[in-house]
Amino acid sequence: MKTVFYVPERGDLVLVTFAPRSGRGAAGRRPAAVLSPQAYNGRVGLALLCPVVTEVTGYPFEVPLPPGLPVQGVLLADQAECFDWRALRAERLASLPVDVVEEALGKLRALLA
């Protein structure tokens, strides 16, 4: 019998377990937004994740999460990074609205242009 696994999809709000890293972010079980497409995530086993934080500072790369989601705060588009979503035990919390995902992708594009 084949076991079906969850494969993160672009726009998913997920809970992942980040390992402690010197000088970068907090460790532990944290929310993140998935920006990479599901086809990539499933085939490669990685996902492009942006951390979600509760502290809103007005930083230009913040993308606010709308009310009604299980997590409130902002995603940090410039801190997108590929992670092994299986190793981080990704758990889907919700789907982000398309406009939030597009805003995050736009900020990431601006950074890379």
PDB file of N, CA and C in Angstrom:
ATOM      1  N   MET A   1       0.831  -1.175   0.000  1.00  0.00           N
ATOM      2  CA  MET A   1       0.000   0.000   0.000  1.00  0.00           C
ATOM      3  C   MET A   1       0.883   1.249   0.000  1.00  0.00           C
ATOM      4  N   LYS A   2       0.556   2.197  -0.875  1.00  0.00           N
ATOM      5  CA  LYS A   2       1.338   3.419  -0.991  1.00  0.00           C
ATOM      6  C   LYS A   2       0.797   4.476  -0.026  1.00  0.00           C
ATOM      7  N   THR A   3       1.692   5.098   0.730  1.00  0.00           N
ATOM      8  CA  THR A   3       1.308   6.145   1.666  1.00  0.00           C
ATOM      9  C   THR A   3       1.286   7.480   0.944  1.00  0.00           C
ATOM     10  N   VAL A   4       0.238   8.247   1.157  1.00  0.00           N
ATOM     11  CA  VAL A   4       0.114   9.556   0.540  1.00  0.00           C
ATOM     12  C   VAL A   4       0.644  10.597   1.514  1.00  0.00           C
ATOM     13  N   PHE A   5       1.580  11.417   1.029  1.00  0.00           N
ATOM     14  CA  PHE A   5       2.173  12.458   1.844  1.00  0.00           C
ATOM     15  C   PHE A   5       1.635  13.812   1.420  1.00  0.00           C
ATOM     16  N   TYR A   6       1.590  14.705   2.344  1.00  0.00           N
ATOM     17  CA  TYR A   6       1.278  16.098   2.032  1.00  0.00           C
ATOM     18  C   TYR A   6       2.467  16.710   1.305  1.00  0.00           C
ATOM     19  N   VAL A   7       2.215  17.356   0.199  1.00  0.00           N
ATOM     20  CA  VAL A   7       3.243  18.099  -0.531  1.00  0.00           C
ATOM     21  C   VAL A   7       2.818  19.564  -0.514  1.00  0.00           C
ATOM     22  N   PRO A   8       3.648  20.439   0.055  1.00  0.00           N
ATOM     23  CA  PRO A   8       3.282  21.851   0.140  1.00  0.00           C
ATOM     24  C   PRO A   8       3.019  22.454  -1.239  1.00  0.00           C
ATOM     25  N   GLU A   9       2.070  23.352  -1.260  1.00  0.00           N
ATOM     26  CA  GLU A   9       1.645  24.021  -2.485  1.00  0.00           C
ATOM     27  C   GLU A   9       1.909  25.518  -2.347  1.00  0.00           C
ATOM     28  N   ARG A  10       2.221  26.182  -3.474  1.00  0.00           N
ATOM     29  CA  ARG A  10       2.414  27.627  -3.424  1.00  0.00           C
ATOM     30  C   ARG A  10       1.187  28.261  -2.769  1.00  0.00           C
ATOM     31  N   GLY A  11       1.452  29.129  -1.785  1.00  0.00           N
ATOM     32  CA  GLY A  11       0.365  29.806  -1.092  1.00  0.00           C
ATOM     33  C   GLY A  11      -0.052  29.136   0.200  1.00  0.00           C
ATOM     34  N   ASP A  12       0.514  27.976   0.504  1.00  0.00           N
ATOM     35  CA  ASP A  12       0.190  27.329   1.777  1.00  0.00           C
ATOM     36  C   ASP A  12       0.864  28.078   2.924  1.00  0.00           C
ATOM     37  N   LEU A  13       0.155  28.202   4.000  1.00  0.00           N
ATOM     38  CA  LEU A  13       0.712  28.661   5.266  1.00  0.00           C
ATOM     39  C   LEU A  13       0.994  27.388   6.047  1.00  0.00           C
ATOM     40  N   VAL A  14       2.254  27.170   6.401  1.00  0.00           N
ATOM     41  CA  VAL A  14       2.648  25.916   7.042  1.00  0.00           C
ATOM     42  C   VAL A  14       3.317  26.181   8.381  1.00  0.00           C
ATOM     43  N   LEU A  15       3.332  25.155   9.182  1.00  0.00           N
ATOM     44  CA  LEU A  15       4.060  25.162  10.445  1.00  0.00           C
ATOM     45  C   LEU A  15       5.247  24.225  10.235  1.00  0.00           C
ATOM     46  N   VAL A  16       6.461  24.717  10.501  1.00  0.00           N
ATOM     47  CA  VAL A  16       7.676  23.922  10.310  1.00  0.00           C
ATOM     48  C   VAL A  16       8.565  24.041  11.539  1.00  0.00           C
ATOM     49  N   THR A  17       9.461  23.082  11.696  1.00  0.00           N
ATOM     50  CA  THR A  17      10.385  23.083  12.826  1.00  0.00           C
ATOM     51  C   THR A  17      11.752  23.543  12.341  1.00  0.00           C
ATOM     52  N   PHE A  18      12.094  24.783  12.661  1.00  0.00           N
ATOM     53  CA  PHE A  18      13.397  25.326  12.281  1.00  0.00           C
ATOM     54  C   PHE A  18      14.429  24.945  13.337  1.00  0.00           C
ATOM     55  N   ALA A  19      15.626  24.598  12.869  1.00  0.00           N
ATOM     56  CA  ALA A  19      16.732  24.298  13.769  1.00  0.00           C
ATOM     57  C   ALA A  19      17.391  25.607  14.197  1.00  0.00           C
ATOM     58  N   PRO A  20      18.018  25.629  15.360  1.00  0.00           N
ATOM     59  CA  PRO A  20      18.722  26.847  15.780  1.00  0.00           C
ATOM     60  C   PRO A  20      19.863  27.160  14.821  1.00  0.00           C
ATOM     61  N   ARG A  21      19.995  28.449  14.482  1.00  0.00           N
ATOM     62  CA  ARG A  21      21.069  28.888  13.588  1.00  0.00           C
ATOM     63  C   ARG A  21      21.668  30.162  14.139  1.00  0.00           C
ATOM     64  N   SER A  22      22.947  30.227  14.117  1.00  0.00           N
ATOM     65  CA  SER A  22      23.666  31.372  14.663  1.00  0.00           C
ATOM     66  C   SER A  22      23.295  32.659  13.947  1.00  0.00           C
ATOM     67  N   GLY A  23      22.759  33.625  14.707  1.00  0.00           N
ATOM     68  CA  GLY A  23      22.476  34.944  14.181  1.00  0.00           C
ATOM     69  C   GLY A  23      21.287  35.060  13.258  1.00  0.00           C
ATOM     70  N   ARG A  24      20.492  33.988  13.057  1.00  0.00           N
ATOM     71  CA  ARG A  24      19.393  34.051  12.113  1.00  0.00           C
ATOM     72  C   ARG A  24      18.135  33.458  12.712  1.00  0.00           C
ATOM     73  N   GLY A  25      17.139  34.272  12.900  1.00  0.00           N
ATOM     74  CA  GLY A  25      15.816  33.809  13.268  1.00  0.00           C
ATOM     75  C   GLY A  25      15.744  32.928  14.501  1.00  0.00           C
ATOM     76  N   ALA A  26      14.537  32.609  14.850  1.00  0.00           N
ATOM     77  CA  ALA A  26      14.288  31.794  16.036  1.00  0.00           C
ATOM     78  C   ALA A  26      14.097  30.335  15.641  1.00  0.00           C
ATOM     79  N   ALA A  27      14.538  29.456  16.505  1.00  0.00           N
ATOM     80  CA  ALA A  27      14.360  28.032  16.285  1.00  0.00           C
ATOM     81  C   ALA A  27      13.009  27.610  16.845  1.00  0.00           C
ATOM     82  N   GLY A  28      12.644  26.377  16.538  1.00  0.00           N
ATOM     83  CA  GLY A  28      11.403  25.828  17.067  1.00  0.00           C
ATOM     84  C   GLY A  28      10.324  25.763  15.999  1.00  0.00           C
ATOM     85  N   ARG A  29       9.132  25.442  16.426  1.00  0.00           N
ATOM     86  CA  ARG A  29       7.982  25.278  15.523  1.00  0.00           C
ATOM     87  C   ARG A  29       7.463  26.666  15.156  1.00  0.00           C
ATOM     88  N   ARG A  30       7.557  27.020  13.886  1.00  0.00           N
ATOM     89  CA  ARG A  30       7.235  28.371  13.418  1.00  0.00           C
ATOM     90  C   ARG A  30       6.400  28.336  12.150  1.00  0.00           C
ATOM     91  N   PRO A  31       5.590  29.388  11.925  1.00  0.00           N
ATOM     92  CA  PRO A  31       4.840  29.474  10.668  1.00  0.00           C
ATOM     93  C   PRO A  31       5.716  30.002   9.535  1.00  0.00           C
ATOM     94  N   ALA A  32       5.386  29.572   8.322  1.00  0.00           N
ATOM     95  CA  ALA A  32       6.088  30.031   7.125  1.00  0.00           C
ATOM     96  C   ALA A  32       5.121  29.975   5.946  1.00  0.00           C
ATOM     97  N   ALA A  33       5.418  30.765   4.929  1.00  0.00           N
ATOM     98  CA  ALA A  33       4.611  30.779   3.704  1.00  0.00           C
ATOM     99  C   ALA A  33       5.395  30.082   2.600  1.00  0.00           C
ATOM    100  N   VAL A  34       4.703  29.253   1.828  1.00  0.00           N
ATOM    101  CA  VAL A  34       5.325  28.528   0.721  1.00  0.00           C
ATOM    102  C   VAL A  34       5.188  29.365  -0.549  1.00  0.00           C
ATOM    103  N   LEU A  35       6.322  29.647  -1.215  1.00  0.00           N
ATOM    104  CA  LEU A  35       6.295  30.419  -2.456  1.00  0.00           C
ATOM    105  C   LEU A  35       6.596  29.580  -3.695  1.00  0.00           C
ATOM    106  N   SER A  36       7.186  28.426  -3.531  1.00  0.00           N
ATOM    107  CA  SER A  36       7.508  27.580  -4.685  1.00  0.00           C
ATOM    108  C   SER A  36       6.301  26.723  -5.070  1.00  0.00           C
ATOM    109  N   PRO A  37       6.212  26.346  -6.365  1.00  0.00           N
ATOM    110  CA  PRO A  37       5.071  25.538  -6.813  1.00  0.00           C
ATOM    111  C   PRO A  37       5.139  24.096  -6.321  1.00  0.00           C
ATOM    112  N   GLN A  38       3.981  23.486  -6.189  1.00  0.00           N
ATOM    113  CA  GLN A  38       3.881  22.124  -5.679  1.00  0.00           C
ATOM    114  C   GLN A  38       4.665  21.123  -6.527  1.00  0.00           C
ATOM    115  N   ALA A  39       4.689  21.312  -7.844  1.00  0.00           N
ATOM    116  CA  ALA A  39       5.417  20.388  -8.716  1.00  0.00           C
ATOM    117  C   ALA A  39       6.902  20.363  -8.344  1.00  0.00           C
ATOM    118  N   TYR A  40       7.479  21.517  -8.092  1.00  0.00           N
ATOM    119  CA  TYR A  40       8.882  21.594  -7.665  1.00  0.00           C
ATOM    120  C   TYR A  40       9.053  20.959  -6.286  1.00  0.00           C
ATOM    121  N   ASN A  41       8.200  21.341  -5.360  1.00  0.00           N
ATOM    122  CA  ASN A  41       8.305  20.856  -3.979  1.00  0.00           C
ATOM    123  C   ASN A  41       8.260  19.332  -3.918  1.00  0.00           C
ATOM    124  N   GLY A  42       7.348  18.740  -4.672  1.00  0.00           N
ATOM    125  CA  GLY A  42       7.211  17.287  -4.661  1.00  0.00           C
ATOM    126  C   GLY A  42       8.351  16.573  -5.345  1.00  0.00           C
ATOM    127  N   ARG A  43       8.802  17.122  -6.455  1.00  0.00           N
ATOM    128  CA  ARG A  43       9.858  16.473  -7.232  1.00  0.00           C
ATOM    129  C   ARG A  43      11.222  16.576  -6.559  1.00  0.00           C
ATOM    130  N   VAL A  44      11.522  17.749  -6.006  1.00  0.00           N
ATOM    131  CA  VAL A  44      12.859  18.007  -5.462  1.00  0.00           C
ATOM    132  C   VAL A  44      12.930  17.735  -3.960  1.00  0.00           C
ATOM    133  N   GLY A  45      11.807  17.859  -3.282  1.00  0.00           N
ATOM    134  CA  GLY A  45      11.807  17.654  -1.831  1.00  0.00           C
ATOM    135  C   GLY A  45      12.177  18.900  -1.049  1.00  0.00           C
ATOM    136  N   LEU A  46      12.284  20.020  -1.757  1.00  0.00           N
ATOM    137  CA  LEU A  46      12.551  21.306  -1.111  1.00  0.00           C
ATOM    138  C   LEU A  46      11.362  22.216  -1.356  1.00  0.00           C
ATOM    139  N   ALA A  47      11.253  23.265  -0.555  1.00  0.00           N
ATOM    140  CA  ALA A  47      10.233  24.288  -0.763  1.00  0.00           C
ATOM    141  C   ALA A  47      10.838  25.638  -0.416  1.00  0.00           C
ATOM    142  N   LEU A  48      10.490  26.655  -1.204  1.00  0.00           N
ATOM    143  CA  LEU A  48      10.930  28.012  -0.927  1.00  0.00           C
ATOM    144  C   LEU A  48       9.974  28.593   0.119  1.00  0.00           C
ATOM    145  N   LEU A  49      10.499  28.821   1.328  1.00  0.00           N
ATOM    146  CA  LEU A  49       9.687  29.264   2.458  1.00  0.00           C
ATOM    147  C   LEU A  49      10.096  30.659   2.901  1.00  0.00           C
ATOM    148  N   CYS A  50       9.088  31.446   3.284  1.00  0.00           N
ATOM    149  CA  CYS A  50       9.316  32.757   3.902  1.00  0.00           C
ATOM    150  C   CYS A  50       8.832  32.674   5.339  1.00  0.00           C
ATOM    151  N   PRO A  51       9.644  33.106   6.284  1.00  0.00           N
ATOM    152  CA  PRO A  51       9.194  33.083   7.671  1.00  0.00           C
ATOM    153  C   PRO A  51       8.055  34.067   7.895  1.00  0.00           C
ATOM    154  N   VAL A  52       7.186  33.717   8.817  1.00  0.00           N
ATOM    155  CA  VAL A  52       6.100  34.595   9.247  1.00  0.00           C
ATOM    156  C   VAL A  52       6.399  35.008  10.679  1.00  0.00           C
ATOM    157  N   VAL A  53       6.355  36.317  10.921  1.00  0.00           N
ATOM    158  CA  VAL A  53       6.638  36.845  12.259  1.00  0.00           C
ATOM    159  C   VAL A  53       5.455  37.676  12.736  1.00  0.00           C
ATOM    160  N   THR A  54       5.328  37.813  14.036  1.00  0.00           N
ATOM    161  CA  THR A  54       4.200  38.574  14.594  1.00  0.00           C
ATOM    162  C   THR A  54       4.522  40.051  14.764  1.00  0.00           C
ATOM    163  N   GLU A  55       5.806  40.381  14.823  1.00  0.00           N
ATOM    164  CA  GLU A  55       6.192  41.773  15.034  1.00  0.00           C
ATOM    165  C   GLU A  55       6.201  42.531  13.703  1.00  0.00           C
ATOM    166  N   VAL A  56       5.307  43.494  13.572  1.00  0.00           N
ATOM    167  CA  VAL A  56       5.207  44.324  12.376  1.00  0.00           C
ATOM    168  C   VAL A  56       6.027  45.586  12.622  1.00  0.00           C
ATOM    169  N   THR A  57       7.035  45.822  11.772  1.00  0.00           N
ATOM    170  CA  THR A  57       7.932  46.956  11.983  1.00  0.00           C
ATOM    171  C   THR A  57       7.871  47.991  10.866  1.00  0.00           C
ATOM    172  N   GLY A  58       7.174  47.681   9.773  1.00  0.00           N
ATOM    173  CA  GLY A  58       7.156  48.586   8.638  1.00  0.00           C
ATOM    174  C   GLY A  58       8.302  48.342   7.674  1.00  0.00           C
ATOM    175  N   TYR A  59       9.010  47.248   7.849  1.00  0.00           N
ATOM    176  CA  TYR A  59      10.105  46.860   6.975  1.00  0.00           C
ATOM    177  C   TYR A  59       9.565  46.709   5.547  1.00  0.00           C
ATOM    178  N   PRO A  60      10.282  47.208   4.524  1.00  0.00           N
ATOM    179  CA  PRO A  60       9.748  47.219   3.153  1.00  0.00           C
ATOM    180  C   PRO A  60       9.422  45.850   2.558  1.00  0.00           C
ATOM    181  N   PHE A  61      10.021  44.781   3.071  1.00  0.00           N
ATOM    182  CA  PHE A  61       9.757  43.461   2.512  1.00  0.00           C
ATOM    183  C   PHE A  61       8.719  42.670   3.308  1.00  0.00           C
ATOM    184  N   GLU A  62       8.072  43.321   4.254  1.00  0.00           N
ATOM    185  CA  GLU A  62       6.965  42.681   4.979  1.00  0.00           C
ATOM    186  C   GLU A  62       5.733  42.606   4.077  1.00  0.00           C
ATOM    187  N   VAL A  63       5.044  41.483   4.158  1.00  0.00           N
ATOM    188  CA  VAL A  63       3.757  41.315   3.480  1.00  0.00           C
ATOM    189  C   VAL A  63       2.759  40.925   4.562  1.00  0.00           C
ATOM    190  N   PRO A  64       1.779  41.806   4.833  1.00  0.00           N
ATOM    191  CA  PRO A  64       0.839  41.510   5.923  1.00  0.00           C
ATOM    192  C   PRO A  64      -0.087  40.346   5.601  1.00  0.00           C
ATOM    193  N   LEU A  65      -0.354  39.538   6.612  1.00  0.00           N
ATOM    194  CA  LEU A  65      -1.334  38.464   6.491  1.00  0.00           C
ATOM    195  C   LEU A  65      -2.700  39.035   6.829  1.00  0.00           C
ATOM    196  N   PRO A  66      -3.726  38.653   6.081  1.00  0.00           N
ATOM    197  CA  PRO A  66      -5.062  39.189   6.363  1.00  0.00           C
ATOM    198  C   PRO A  66      -5.674  38.565   7.613  1.00  0.00           C
ATOM    199  N   PRO A  67      -6.655  39.247   8.200  1.00  0.00           N
ATOM    200  CA  PRO A  67      -7.359  38.663   9.352  1.00  0.00           C
ATOM    201  C   PRO A  67      -8.054  37.360   8.951  1.00  0.00           C
ATOM    202  N   GLY A  68      -8.280  36.516   9.942  1.00  0.00           N
ATOM    203  CA  GLY A  68      -9.016  35.280   9.714  1.00  0.00           C
ATOM    204  C   GLY A  68      -8.138  34.049   9.529  1.00  0.00           C
ATOM    205  N   LEU A  69      -6.837  34.247   9.408  1.00  0.00           N
ATOM    206  CA  LEU A  69      -5.930  33.099   9.303  1.00  0.00           C
ATOM    207  C   LEU A  69      -5.560  32.630  10.713  1.00  0.00           C
ATOM    208  N   PRO A  70      -5.101  31.384  10.855  1.00  0.00           N
ATOM    209  CA  PRO A  70      -4.728  30.897  12.190  1.00  0.00           C
ATOM    210  C   PRO A  70      -3.483  31.576  12.757  1.00  0.00           C
ATOM    211  N   VAL A  71      -2.769  32.325  11.926  1.00  0.00           N
ATOM    212  CA  VAL A  71      -1.567  33.048  12.344  1.00  0.00           C
ATOM    213  C   VAL A  71      -1.712  34.490  11.891  1.00  0.00           C
ATOM    214  N   GLN A  72      -1.332  35.419  12.734  1.00  0.00           N
ATOM    215  CA  GLN A  72      -1.354  36.837  12.370  1.00  0.00           C
ATOM    216  C   GLN A  72       0.074  37.351  12.316  1.00  0.00           C
ATOM    217  N   GLY A  73       0.288  38.385  11.515  1.00  0.00           N
ATOM    218  CA  GLY A  73       1.611  38.988  11.403  1.00  0.00           C
ATOM    219  C   GLY A  73       1.945  39.294   9.975  1.00  0.00           C
ATOM    220  N   VAL A  74       3.223  39.182   9.652  1.00  0.00           N
ATOM    221  CA  VAL A  74       3.710  39.473   8.308  1.00  0.00           C
ATOM    222  C   VAL A  74       4.669  38.380   7.859  1.00  0.00           C
ATOM    223  N   LEU A  75       4.706  38.132   6.548  1.00  0.00           N
ATOM    224  CA  LEU A  75       5.742  37.251   6.034  1.00  0.00           C
ATOM    225  C   LEU A  75       6.873  38.140   5.539  1.00  0.00           C
ATOM    226  N   LEU A  76       8.077  37.646   5.640  1.00  0.00           N
ATOM    227  CA  LEU A  76       9.267  38.403   5.260  1.00  0.00           C
ATOM    228  C   LEU A  76       9.777  37.875   3.927  1.00  0.00           C
ATOM    229  N   ALA A  77       9.387  38.578   2.845  1.00  0.00           N
ATOM    230  CA  ALA A  77       9.666  38.091   1.493  1.00  0.00           C
ATOM    231  C   ALA A  77      11.153  38.017   1.181  1.00  0.00           C
ATOM    232  N   ASP A  78      11.956  38.892   1.768  1.00  0.00           N
ATOM    233  CA  ASP A  78      13.384  38.885   1.461  1.00  0.00           C
ATOM    234  C   ASP A  78      14.153  37.812   2.225  1.00  0.00           C
ATOM    235  N   GLN A  79      13.475  37.078   3.078  1.00  0.00           N
ATOM    236  CA  GLN A  79      14.135  36.004   3.828  1.00  0.00           C
ATOM    237  C   GLN A  79      13.730  34.630   3.311  1.00  0.00           C
ATOM    238  N   ALA A  80      13.252  34.593   2.055  1.00  0.00           N
ATOM    239  CA  ALA A  80      12.892  33.322   1.426  1.00  0.00           C
ATOM    240  C   ALA A  80      14.119  32.426   1.321  1.00  0.00           C
ATOM    241  N   GLU A  81      13.909  31.163   1.618  1.00  0.00           N
ATOM    242  CA  GLU A  81      15.011  30.202   1.590  1.00  0.00           C
ATOM    243  C   GLU A  81      14.447  28.812   1.319  1.00  0.00           C
ATOM    244  N   CYS A  82      15.199  27.995   0.590  1.00  0.00           N
ATOM    245  CA  CYS A  82      14.771  26.620   0.323  1.00  0.00           C
ATOM    246  C   CYS A  82      15.106  25.726   1.504  1.00  0.00           C
ATOM    247  N   PHE A  83      14.128  24.931   1.889  1.00  0.00           N
ATOM    248  CA  PHE A  83      14.293  23.982   2.989  1.00  0.00           C
ATOM    249  C   PHE A  83      13.717  22.635   2.584  1.00  0.00           C
ATOM    250  N   ASP A  84      14.236  21.584   3.183  1.00  0.00           N
ATOM    251  CA  ASP A  84      13.669  20.248   3.041  1.00  0.00           C
ATOM    252  C   ASP A  84      12.410  20.209   3.895  1.00  0.00           C
ATOM    253  N   TRP A  85      11.262  20.305   3.249  1.00  0.00           N
ATOM    254  CA  TRP A  85      10.001  20.424   3.982  1.00  0.00           C
ATOM    255  C   TRP A  85       9.658  19.145   4.744  1.00  0.00           C
ATOM    256  N   ARG A  86      10.163  18.015   4.298  1.00  0.00           N
ATOM    257  CA  ARG A  86       9.916  16.767   5.040  1.00  0.00           C
ATOM    258  C   ARG A  86      10.693  16.772   6.356  1.00  0.00           C
ATOM    259  N   ALA A  87      11.960  17.183   6.283  1.00  0.00           N
ATOM    260  CA  ALA A  87      12.798  17.229   7.481  1.00  0.00           C
ATOM    261  C   ALA A  87      12.251  18.242   8.498  1.00  0.00           C
ATOM    262  N   LEU A  88      11.623  19.316   7.985  1.00  0.00           N
ATOM    263  CA  LEU A  88      11.053  20.330   8.877  1.00  0.00           C
ATOM    264  C   LEU A  88       9.646  19.964   9.351  1.00  0.00           C
ATOM    265  N   ARG A  89       9.159  18.801   8.896  1.00  0.00           N
ATOM    266  CA  ARG A  89       7.825  18.298   9.278  1.00  0.00           C
ATOM    267  C   ARG A  89       6.736  19.338   8.982  1.00  0.00           C
ATOM    268  N   ALA A  90       6.686  19.770   7.723  1.00  0.00           N
ATOM    269  CA  ALA A  90       5.713  20.785   7.312  1.00  0.00           C
ATOM    270  C   ALA A  90       4.283  20.301   7.541  1.00  0.00           C
ATOM    271  N   GLU A  91       3.511  21.148   8.179  1.00  0.00           N
ATOM    272  CA  GLU A  91       2.105  20.869   8.473  1.00  0.00           C
ATOM    273  C   GLU A  91       1.285  22.049   7.950  1.00  0.00           C
ATOM    274  N   ARG A  92       0.348  21.770   7.069  1.00  0.00           N
ATOM    275  CA  ARG A  92      -0.453  22.829   6.461  1.00  0.00           C
ATOM    276  C   ARG A  92      -1.431  23.414   7.470  1.00  0.00           C
ATOM    277  N   LEU A  93      -1.444  24.755   7.562  1.00  0.00           N
ATOM    278  CA  LEU A  93      -2.376  25.453   8.444  1.00  0.00           C
ATOM    279  C   LEU A  93      -3.537  26.058   7.675  1.00  0.00           C
ATOM    280  N   ALA A  94      -3.238  26.640   6.501  1.00  0.00           N
ATOM    281  CA  ALA A  94      -4.253  27.353   5.725  1.00  0.00           C
ATOM    282  C   ALA A  94      -3.683  27.695   4.356  1.00  0.00           C
ATOM    283  N   SER A  95      -4.544  28.247   3.514  1.00  0.00           N
ATOM    284  CA  SER A  95      -4.110  28.792   2.227  1.00  0.00           C
ATOM    285  C   SER A  95      -4.111  30.304   2.323  1.00  0.00           C
ATOM    286  N   LEU A  96      -3.063  30.918   1.807  1.00  0.00           N
ATOM    287  CA  LEU A  96      -2.992  32.371   1.770  1.00  0.00           C
ATOM    288  C   LEU A  96      -3.767  32.877   0.555  1.00  0.00           C
ATOM    289  N   PRO A  97      -4.366  34.059   0.650  1.00  0.00           N
ATOM    290  CA  PRO A  97      -5.031  34.630  -0.517  1.00  0.00           C
ATOM    291  C   PRO A  97      -4.026  34.871  -1.650  1.00  0.00           C
ATOM    292  N   VAL A  98      -4.496  34.777  -2.875  1.00  0.00           N
ATOM    293  CA  VAL A  98      -3.643  34.931  -4.048  1.00  0.00           C
ATOM    294  C   VAL A  98      -2.932  36.284  -4.041  1.00  0.00           C
ATOM    295  N   ASP A  99      -3.605  37.344  -3.620  1.00  0.00           N
ATOM    296  CA  ASP A  99      -2.970  38.664  -3.644  1.00  0.00           C
ATOM    297  C   ASP A  99      -1.791  38.743  -2.666  1.00  0.00           C
ATOM    298  N   VAL A 100      -1.850  38.036  -1.562  1.00  0.00           N
ATOM    299  CA  VAL A 100      -0.737  38.007  -0.600  1.00  0.00           C
ATOM    300  C   VAL A 100       0.455  37.290  -1.226  1.00  0.00           C
ATOM    301  N   VAL A 101       0.207  36.167  -1.880  1.00  0.00           N
ATOM    302  CA  VAL A 101       1.272  35.399  -2.531  1.00  0.00           C
ATOM    303  C   VAL A 101       1.893  36.234  -3.646  1.00  0.00           C
ATOM    304  N   GLU A 102       1.061  36.884  -4.449  1.00  0.00           N
ATOM    305  CA  GLU A 102       1.573  37.711  -5.547  1.00  0.00           C
ATOM    306  C   GLU A 102       2.399  38.883  -5.027  1.00  0.00           C
ATOM    307  N   GLU A 103       1.977  39.491  -3.938  1.00  0.00           N
ATOM    308  CA  GLU A 103       2.762  40.585  -3.352  1.00  0.00           C
ATOM    309  C   GLU A 103       4.125  40.083  -2.878  1.00  0.00           C
ATOM    310  N   ALA A 104       4.149  38.922  -2.231  1.00  0.00           N
ATOM    311  CA  ALA A 104       5.419  38.347  -1.760  1.00  0.00           C
ATOM    312  C   ALA A 104       6.329  38.021  -2.938  1.00  0.00           C
ATOM    313  N   LEU A 105       5.777  37.422  -3.984  1.00  0.00           N
ATOM    314  CA  LEU A 105       6.576  37.095  -5.164  1.00  0.00           C
ATOM    315  C   LEU A 105       7.093  38.364  -5.840  1.00  0.00           C
ATOM    316  N   GLY A 106       6.271  39.406  -5.879  1.00  0.00           N
ATOM    317  CA  GLY A 106       6.688  40.677  -6.468  1.00  0.00           C
ATOM    318  C   GLY A 106       7.842  41.303  -5.706  1.00  0.00           C
ATOM    319  N   LYS A 107       7.784  41.251  -4.387  1.00  0.00           N
ATOM    320  CA  LYS A 107       8.882  41.800  -3.571  1.00  0.00           C
ATOM    321  C   LYS A 107      10.152  40.981  -3.757  1.00  0.00           C
ATOM    322  N   LEU A 108      10.002  39.686  -3.883  1.00  0.00           N
ATOM    323  CA  LEU A 108      11.157  38.823  -4.117  1.00  0.00           C
ATOM    324  C   LEU A 108      11.763  39.107  -5.493  1.00  0.00           C
ATOM    325  N   ARG A 109      10.900  39.282  -6.511  1.00  0.00           N
ATOM    326  CA  ARG A 109      11.386  39.629  -7.858  1.00  0.00           C
ATOM    327  C   ARG A 109      12.158  40.947  -7.831  1.00  0.00           C
ATOM    328  N   ALA A 110      11.630  41.939  -7.118  1.00  0.00           N
ATOM    329  CA  ALA A 110      12.298  43.246  -7.028  1.00  0.00           C
ATOM    330  C   ALA A 110      13.680  43.102  -6.400  1.00  0.00           C
ATOM    331  N   LEU A 111      13.793  42.238  -5.436  1.00  0.00           N
ATOM    332  CA  LEU A 111      15.072  42.012  -4.765  1.00  0.00           C
ATOM    333  C   LEU A 111      16.081  41.369  -5.715  1.00  0.00           C
ATOM    334  N   LEU A 112      15.612  40.490  -6.578  1.00  0.00           N
ATOM    335  CA  LEU A 112      16.497  39.741  -7.472  1.00  0.00           C
ATOM    336  C   LEU A 112      16.756  40.442  -8.805  1.00  0.00           C
ATOM    337  N   ALA A 113      16.019  41.497  -9.094  1.00  0.00           N
ATOM    338  CA  ALA A 113      16.148  42.190 -10.399  1.00  0.00           C
ATOM    339  C   ALA A 113      17.446  42.958 -10.499  1.00  0.00           C
TER     340      ALA A 113
END
